[in-house]
Every structure is written in structure tokens, then in C-alpha cells.
N, C-alpha and C. Protein backbone atom coordinates (compact mmCIF):
# COMPACT_ATOMS: atom_id res chain seq x y z
N UNK A 1 5.71 8.49 -19.58
CA UNK A 1 5.41 9.88 -19.31
C UNK A 1 4.46 9.82 -17.93
N UNK A 2 4.84 10.70 -17.10
CA UNK A 2 4.19 10.97 -15.96
C UNK A 2 2.94 11.32 -15.98
N UNK A 3 1.73 10.69 -15.61
CA UNK A 3 0.77 11.41 -15.48
C UNK A 3 0.68 12.49 -14.42
N UNK A 4 -0.17 13.71 -14.58
CA UNK A 4 -0.38 14.73 -13.55
C UNK A 4 -1.47 13.95 -12.49
N UNK A 5 -2.27 13.39 -12.72
CA UNK A 5 -3.08 12.98 -11.71
C UNK A 5 -3.29 11.43 -11.93
N UNK A 6 -3.60 10.36 -11.14
CA UNK A 6 -3.69 9.17 -11.31
C UNK A 6 -5.06 8.74 -10.43
N UNK A 7 -5.63 7.63 -11.10
CA UNK A 7 -6.87 6.95 -10.62
C UNK A 7 -6.26 5.73 -9.51
N UNK A 8 -6.88 5.98 -8.25
CA UNK A 8 -6.39 4.93 -7.26
C UNK A 8 -7.33 4.23 -6.51
N UNK A 9 -6.89 3.21 -6.16
CA UNK A 9 -8.06 2.70 -4.75
C UNK A 9 -7.52 2.94 -3.66
N UNK A 10 -8.39 3.71 -2.80
CA UNK A 10 -7.83 4.30 -1.45
C UNK A 10 -8.29 3.10 -0.50
N UNK A 11 -7.78 2.89 0.42
CA UNK A 11 -8.05 1.86 1.51
C UNK A 11 -7.44 2.33 2.76
N UNK A 12 -8.86 2.67 3.65
CA UNK A 12 -8.47 3.25 4.85
C UNK A 12 -8.87 2.26 5.85
N UNK A 13 -8.06 2.59 7.35
CA UNK A 13 -8.44 1.48 8.13
C UNK A 13 -9.77 1.55 8.42
N UNK A 14 -10.32 0.10 8.64
CA UNK A 14 -11.43 -0.19 8.91
C UNK A 14 -13.01 0.24 8.04
N UNK A 15 -12.62 0.73 6.83
CA UNK A 15 -13.36 1.08 5.76
C UNK A 15 -13.15 0.13 4.50
N UNK A 16 -14.47 0.21 3.69
CA UNK A 16 -13.85 -0.28 2.53
C UNK A 16 -13.55 0.38 1.40
N UNK A 17 -12.72 -0.28 0.39
CA UNK A 17 -11.83 0.65 -0.11
C UNK A 17 -12.86 1.42 -1.35
N UNK A 18 -12.11 2.52 -1.93
CA UNK A 18 -13.23 3.26 -2.79
C UNK A 18 -12.02 3.84 -3.68
N UNK A 19 -12.73 4.39 -5.07
CA UNK A 19 -11.89 5.18 -5.75
C UNK A 19 -11.72 6.40 -5.99
N UNK A 20 -10.41 6.92 -6.17
CA UNK A 20 -10.13 8.15 -5.66
C UNK A 20 -9.36 8.88 -7.05
N UNK A 21 -9.11 10.11 -7.27
CA UNK A 21 -8.45 10.59 -8.42
C UNK A 21 -7.45 11.32 -7.31
N UNK A 22 -6.00 11.20 -7.48
CA UNK A 22 -5.27 12.26 -6.61
C UNK A 22 -4.05 12.83 -7.80
N UNK A 23 -3.51 13.73 -7.19
CA UNK A 23 -2.24 14.53 -7.88
C UNK A 23 -1.17 13.48 -7.98
N UNK A 24 -0.20 13.24 -8.70
CA UNK A 24 0.82 12.30 -8.68
C UNK A 24 1.97 13.01 -8.61
N UNK A 25 2.18 13.75 -7.14
CA UNK A 25 3.37 14.52 -6.95
C UNK A 25 3.64 13.66 -5.39
N UNK A 26 4.72 13.85 -4.96
CA UNK A 26 5.38 13.32 -3.99
C UNK A 26 4.31 13.88 -2.52
N UNK A 27 4.14 15.21 -2.38
CA UNK A 27 3.50 15.79 -1.41
C UNK A 27 1.86 14.87 -1.06
N UNK A 28 1.52 15.19 -2.44
CA UNK A 28 -0.10 14.33 -2.38
C UNK A 28 0.08 12.84 -2.08
N UNK A 29 1.26 11.96 -2.58
CA UNK A 29 1.24 10.52 -2.24
C UNK A 29 1.69 10.43 -0.89
N UNK A 30 2.23 11.19 -0.30
CA UNK A 30 2.41 11.40 1.39
C UNK A 30 1.37 11.49 2.00
N UNK A 31 0.62 12.43 1.59
CA UNK A 31 -0.54 12.97 2.40
C UNK A 31 -1.68 11.59 2.52
N UNK A 32 -1.86 10.80 1.26
CA UNK A 32 -2.68 9.47 1.33
C UNK A 32 -2.11 8.34 2.16
N UNK A 33 -0.75 8.54 2.51
CA UNK A 33 -0.57 7.26 3.23
C UNK A 33 -0.05 7.76 4.61
N UNK A 34 -0.26 9.21 4.87
CA UNK A 34 0.43 9.55 6.22
C UNK A 34 1.75 9.65 6.41
N UNK A 35 2.56 9.81 5.60
CA UNK A 35 4.03 9.75 5.85
C UNK A 35 4.87 9.26 4.63
N UNK A 36 5.93 8.73 4.97
CA UNK A 36 6.79 8.12 3.88
C UNK A 36 6.16 7.32 3.18
N UNK A 37 6.23 7.27 2.02
CA UNK A 37 5.67 6.32 0.92
C UNK A 37 6.80 5.17 0.35
N UNK A 38 6.29 4.11 0.55
CA UNK A 38 6.96 2.91 0.28
C UNK A 38 6.05 1.90 -0.98
N UNK A 39 6.65 1.73 -2.20
CA UNK A 39 5.62 0.73 -3.04
C UNK A 39 6.20 -0.31 -2.63
N UNK A 40 4.82 -1.19 -2.64
CA UNK A 40 5.04 -2.84 -2.63
C UNK A 40 4.32 -3.55 -3.95
N UNK A 41 5.04 -4.22 -4.18
CA UNK A 41 4.66 -4.85 -5.71
C UNK A 41 3.57 -5.87 -5.28
N UNK A 42 2.40 -5.93 -5.62
CA UNK A 42 1.21 -6.95 -5.44
C UNK A 42 0.77 -7.68 -6.68
N UNK A 43 1.50 -7.65 -7.67
CA UNK A 43 1.27 -8.09 -8.97
C UNK A 43 0.24 -7.55 -10.03
N UNK A 44 -0.18 -8.30 -10.99
CA UNK A 44 -0.97 -7.72 -11.97
C UNK A 44 -0.40 -6.25 -12.34
N UNK A 45 0.60 -5.94 -12.16
CA UNK A 45 1.06 -4.76 -12.83
C UNK A 45 0.26 -3.58 -11.54
N UNK A 46 0.20 -4.01 -10.32
CA UNK A 46 -0.43 -2.93 -9.37
C UNK A 46 0.93 -2.89 -8.08
N UNK A 47 0.81 -1.75 -7.81
CA UNK A 47 1.61 -1.42 -6.75
C UNK A 47 0.78 -0.92 -5.42
N UNK A 48 0.84 -1.66 -3.98
CA UNK A 48 0.50 -0.98 -2.67
C UNK A 48 1.54 -0.07 -2.34
N UNK A 49 0.96 1.27 -2.29
CA UNK A 49 1.68 2.52 -1.68
C UNK A 49 1.37 2.52 -0.44
N UNK A 50 2.38 2.32 0.73
CA UNK A 50 2.24 1.93 1.93
C UNK A 50 2.89 3.39 2.90
N UNK A 51 2.33 3.40 4.31
CA UNK A 51 3.56 4.03 4.87
C UNK A 51 4.78 3.43 5.50
N UNK A 52 5.84 3.76 4.90
CA UNK A 52 7.19 2.85 5.23
C UNK A 52 7.23 2.64 6.82
N UNK A 53 6.84 3.46 7.84
CA UNK A 53 7.05 3.31 9.36
C UNK A 53 5.67 2.94 9.68
N UNK A 54 4.46 2.28 9.14
CA UNK A 54 3.34 2.14 9.56
C UNK A 54 3.27 1.27 10.91
N UNK A 55 4.24 0.23 10.74
CA UNK A 55 4.17 -0.50 11.84
C UNK A 55 4.76 0.09 13.18
N UNK A 56 5.98 1.07 13.01
CA UNK A 56 6.56 1.67 14.14
C UNK A 56 5.80 2.99 14.72
N UNK A 57 4.91 3.67 13.72
CA UNK A 57 4.45 4.70 14.28
C UNK A 57 2.96 4.54 15.05
N UNK A 58 2.76 3.51 15.28
CA UNK A 58 1.49 3.16 15.88
C UNK A 58 0.10 3.19 15.03
N UNK A 59 0.44 3.18 13.81
CA UNK A 59 -0.93 2.79 12.78
C UNK A 59 -1.78 1.62 13.34
N UNK A 60 -2.74 1.74 13.04
CA UNK A 60 -3.76 0.72 13.17
C UNK A 60 -3.50 -0.48 11.91
N UNK A 61 -3.68 -1.67 12.50
CA UNK A 61 -3.79 -3.12 11.26
C UNK A 61 -4.83 -2.44 10.35
N UNK A 62 -4.44 -2.58 9.12
CA UNK A 62 -5.46 -2.46 8.12
C UNK A 62 -5.94 -3.54 7.01
N UNK A 63 -5.05 -4.38 6.22
CA UNK A 63 -5.51 -5.24 5.33
C UNK A 63 -3.84 -6.22 5.65
N UNK A 64 -4.56 -7.86 5.32
CA UNK A 64 -3.52 -8.62 5.14
C UNK A 64 -2.89 -8.53 3.83
N UNK A 65 -1.57 -8.73 3.51
CA UNK A 65 -0.79 -8.57 2.36
C UNK A 65 -0.47 -9.90 2.05
N UNK A 66 -1.35 -10.86 1.30
CA UNK A 66 -1.17 -12.16 1.14
C UNK A 66 -1.32 -12.93 2.45
N UNK A 67 -0.42 -13.80 2.85
CA UNK A 67 -0.64 -14.62 4.21
C UNK A 67 0.45 -14.26 5.10
N UNK A 68 1.32 -13.39 4.72
CA UNK A 68 2.53 -13.32 5.45
C UNK A 68 2.78 -11.94 5.98
N UNK A 69 2.10 -11.01 5.67
CA UNK A 69 2.23 -9.54 6.31
C UNK A 69 1.01 -8.89 6.68
N UNK A 70 1.13 -7.78 7.46
CA UNK A 70 -0.18 -7.09 7.44
C UNK A 70 0.36 -5.80 6.96
N UNK A 71 -0.47 -4.84 6.43
CA UNK A 71 -0.36 -3.48 6.10
C UNK A 71 -1.05 -2.57 7.19
N UNK A 72 -0.14 -1.75 8.21
CA UNK A 72 -0.75 -0.86 9.13
C UNK A 72 -0.88 0.55 8.47
N UNK A 73 -2.16 0.98 8.71
CA UNK A 73 -2.21 2.58 8.19
C UNK A 73 -2.87 2.51 6.89
N UNK A 74 -3.38 3.68 6.76
CA UNK A 74 -4.17 3.94 5.42
C UNK A 74 -2.89 3.77 4.30
N UNK A 75 -3.66 3.14 3.04
CA UNK A 75 -2.58 2.93 1.78
C UNK A 75 -3.41 3.08 0.60
N UNK A 76 -2.94 3.10 -0.49
CA UNK A 76 -3.68 3.01 -1.86
C UNK A 76 -2.96 1.67 -2.53
N UNK A 77 -4.04 1.60 -3.50
CA UNK A 77 -3.19 0.90 -4.98
C UNK A 77 -3.18 1.73 -6.28
N UNK A 78 -2.06 1.60 -6.72
CA UNK A 78 -2.09 2.20 -7.89
C UNK A 78 -1.31 1.32 -8.84
N UNK A 79 -1.17 1.84 -10.40
CA UNK A 79 -0.36 1.14 -11.41
C UNK A 79 1.18 1.18 -11.16
N UNK A 80 1.53 0.11 -11.92
CA UNK A 80 3.15 0.26 -11.57
C UNK A 80 3.50 0.64 -12.81
N UNK A 81 4.11 1.99 -13.04
CA UNK A 81 4.67 2.29 -14.42
C UNK A 81 6.17 2.18 -14.55
N UNK A 82 6.60 1.37 -13.63
CA UNK A 82 8.12 1.15 -13.78
C UNK A 82 9.01 2.03 -12.77
N UNK A 83 8.62 3.30 -13.41
CA UNK A 83 9.38 4.65 -12.69
C UNK A 83 8.58 5.60 -12.22
N UNK A 84 7.13 5.43 -12.42
CA UNK A 84 6.27 6.51 -11.88
C UNK A 84 4.80 5.38 -11.55
N UNK A 85 4.36 6.19 -10.63
CA UNK A 85 2.91 5.57 -10.40
C UNK A 85 2.18 5.94 -11.57
N UNK A 86 1.30 5.02 -11.80
CA UNK A 86 -0.07 5.28 -12.64
C UNK A 86 -1.27 4.90 -12.31
N UNK A 87 -2.15 5.34 -13.14
CA UNK A 87 -3.51 4.99 -12.84
C UNK A 87 -3.84 3.56 -12.87
N UNK A 88 -4.70 2.95 -12.21
CA UNK A 88 -5.29 1.68 -12.10
C UNK A 88 -6.09 1.91 -13.64
N UNK A 89 -6.12 0.63 -13.99
CA UNK A 89 -6.98 0.29 -15.33
C UNK A 89 -8.30 0.19 -14.61
N UNK A 90 -9.54 0.09 -15.34
CA UNK A 90 -10.70 -0.73 -14.92
C UNK A 90 -10.93 -2.23 -14.27
N UNK A 91 -10.08 -2.99 -15.09
CA UNK A 91 -9.88 -4.20 -14.53
C UNK A 91 -8.93 -4.38 -13.67
N UNK A 92 -7.97 -3.55 -13.45
CA UNK A 92 -7.11 -3.71 -12.03
C UNK A 92 -7.94 -3.25 -10.91
N UNK A 93 -8.73 -2.11 -11.12
CA UNK A 93 -9.50 -1.66 -9.90
C UNK A 93 -10.57 -2.49 -9.47
N UNK A 94 -11.13 -3.33 -10.16
CA UNK A 94 -11.84 -4.50 -10.01
C UNK A 94 -11.42 -5.55 -9.27
N UNK A 95 -10.22 -5.92 -9.81
CA UNK A 95 -9.55 -7.13 -8.93
C UNK A 95 -8.88 -6.73 -7.37
N UNK A 96 -8.52 -5.39 -7.47
CA UNK A 96 -8.13 -5.13 -6.28
C UNK A 96 -9.06 -4.64 -5.33
N UNK A 97 -10.68 -4.40 -5.97
CA UNK A 97 -11.46 -4.32 -5.19
C UNK A 97 -11.95 -5.45 -4.46
N UNK A 98 -11.70 -6.44 -5.32
CA UNK A 98 -12.33 -8.01 -4.50
C UNK A 98 -11.29 -8.48 -3.73
N UNK A 99 -9.57 -8.23 -4.05
CA UNK A 99 -8.90 -8.85 -3.05
C UNK A 99 -8.94 -8.06 -1.73
N UNK A 100 -8.96 -6.62 -1.69
CA UNK A 100 -9.23 -6.05 -0.42
C UNK A 100 -10.50 -5.19 0.08
N UNK A 101 -11.49 -5.93 -0.56
CA UNK A 101 -12.92 -5.38 -0.35
C UNK A 101 -13.30 -5.95 1.43
N UNK A 102 -12.69 -7.11 1.73
CA UNK A 102 -13.18 -7.34 3.18
C UNK A 102 -12.54 -6.69 4.42
N UNK A 103 -13.03 -6.13 5.15
CA UNK A 103 -12.48 -5.17 6.22
C UNK A 103 -12.47 -6.37 7.33
N UNK A 104 -10.90 -6.65 7.46
CA UNK A 104 -10.86 -7.72 8.51
C UNK A 104 -10.59 -7.49 10.08
N UNK A 105 -10.79 -8.26 10.94
CA UNK A 105 -10.87 -7.93 12.17
C UNK A 105 -9.30 -8.60 12.78
N UNK A 106 -8.89 -7.76 13.43
CA UNK A 106 -7.48 -8.10 14.07
C UNK A 106 -7.34 -8.23 15.36
N UNK A 107 -6.81 -8.89 16.02
CA UNK A 107 -7.00 -9.09 17.38
C UNK A 107 -5.86 -8.22 18.27
N UNK A 108 -4.81 -7.79 17.35
CA UNK A 108 -3.60 -6.90 17.94
C UNK A 108 -2.38 -7.96 18.20
N UNK A 109 -2.75 -9.20 18.29
CA UNK A 109 -1.82 -10.22 19.05
C UNK A 109 -1.03 -11.02 17.89
N UNK A 110 -1.48 -10.60 16.45
CA UNK A 110 -0.70 -11.38 15.31
C UNK A 110 0.68 -11.03 15.23
N UNK A 111 1.49 -11.99 14.85
CA UNK A 111 2.86 -11.80 14.93
C UNK A 111 3.28 -10.77 13.76
N UNK A 112 2.51 -10.90 12.72
CA UNK A 112 3.00 -10.22 11.64
C UNK A 112 2.71 -8.55 11.89
N UNK A 113 2.43 -8.28 12.83
CA UNK A 113 2.34 -7.00 13.37
C UNK A 113 3.75 -6.35 13.74
N UNK A 114 4.59 -7.29 13.87
CA UNK A 114 5.74 -6.84 14.54
C UNK A 114 6.57 -6.54 13.46
N UNK A 115 7.40 -5.25 13.68
CA UNK A 115 8.34 -4.75 12.33
C UNK A 115 9.57 -5.91 12.21
N UNK A 116 9.61 -5.87 10.90
CA UNK A 116 10.71 -6.55 10.16
C UNK A 116 11.80 -6.01 10.14
N UNK A 117 13.07 -6.62 10.07
CA UNK A 117 14.22 -5.66 9.56
C UNK A 117 15.03 -6.78 8.88
N UNK A 118 15.56 -6.77 7.64
CA UNK A 118 16.34 -7.76 6.84
C UNK A 118 17.62 -7.26 6.84
N UNK A 119 18.76 -7.98 7.18
CA UNK A 119 20.06 -7.59 7.44
C UNK A 119 20.57 -8.45 5.99
N UNK A 120 21.56 -8.05 5.40
CA UNK A 120 22.29 -8.45 4.12
C UNK A 120 23.70 -8.31 4.57
N UNK A 121 24.50 -9.38 4.70
CA UNK A 121 26.01 -9.36 4.85
C UNK A 121 26.82 -9.78 3.95
N UNK A 122 27.83 -8.97 3.91
CA UNK A 122 28.69 -9.18 2.51
C UNK A 122 30.22 -9.52 2.93
N UNK A 123 30.53 -10.64 2.37
CA UNK A 123 32.17 -10.86 2.67
C UNK A 123 33.07 -9.86 1.85
N UNK A 124 34.22 -9.66 2.56
CA UNK A 124 34.81 -8.74 1.83
C UNK A 124 36.35 -9.39 1.79
N UNK A 125 37.00 -9.29 1.12
CA UNK A 125 38.29 -9.90 0.99
C UNK A 125 39.49 -9.23 1.17
């Protein structure tokens, strides 16, 4: 069942993360990321909701996503309800605060700031 509001961890560029409650509708979700929402699975039943065009529209680097990518622009963490975004549990909130709590310094020269495209080819007979 879709929740009308959800408890998220908001992560703005250059700031420490903070808890926030938002409406669970497309317009509100897009407002939080400043554009089109792309969910990225980050484990532990959590999703990072990022701006899918963050690297293309000039958004500033925000946080490392593991060791292999950088999220650009503001984003938030929420629970993964498989078909809907859900509220974070208290345990998930604390884990995500620890994971994304440090505000990193970026030089702007990181190769992970370059947009990536994946092409999948199919052989047709």
C-alpha cells in the first residue's frame, strides 16, 4: 500500500544529511531532486532517488556512490517498497546518516563525473 507521505534522508550538495517528511507523489519527488527521478538501489532495502540528468545538467558533485560513481545534485534516500518509495526505518535512517554523513571535497577532475552510457546489442537472426 502506497504511503501518502514518507520519511526520507535528504542530502543536499555541501551539507550534512537531514531527516525530512515529504509527500509521496511524482511532483514532490521531482522537487526534491530538481528534475527527473531515477531510483538507484544502494542495499539494505534502501534507494537513492537522484536526478537522472544530474551529470548532464551541470549539477555539482554531491556524494560518492560506493567507489565507482558520484551522485551530482541534491538527492534523497528512502525505503524500497518494490513498486513504491517507502519511509526509512529508524535503523535504515541511522545507517544512511553514517554512510553519507561526511561531506566530501571534489576537485572537479574525477573521471567518475563524466556521464556514462551503456549500450546493449542484440543479435537478430
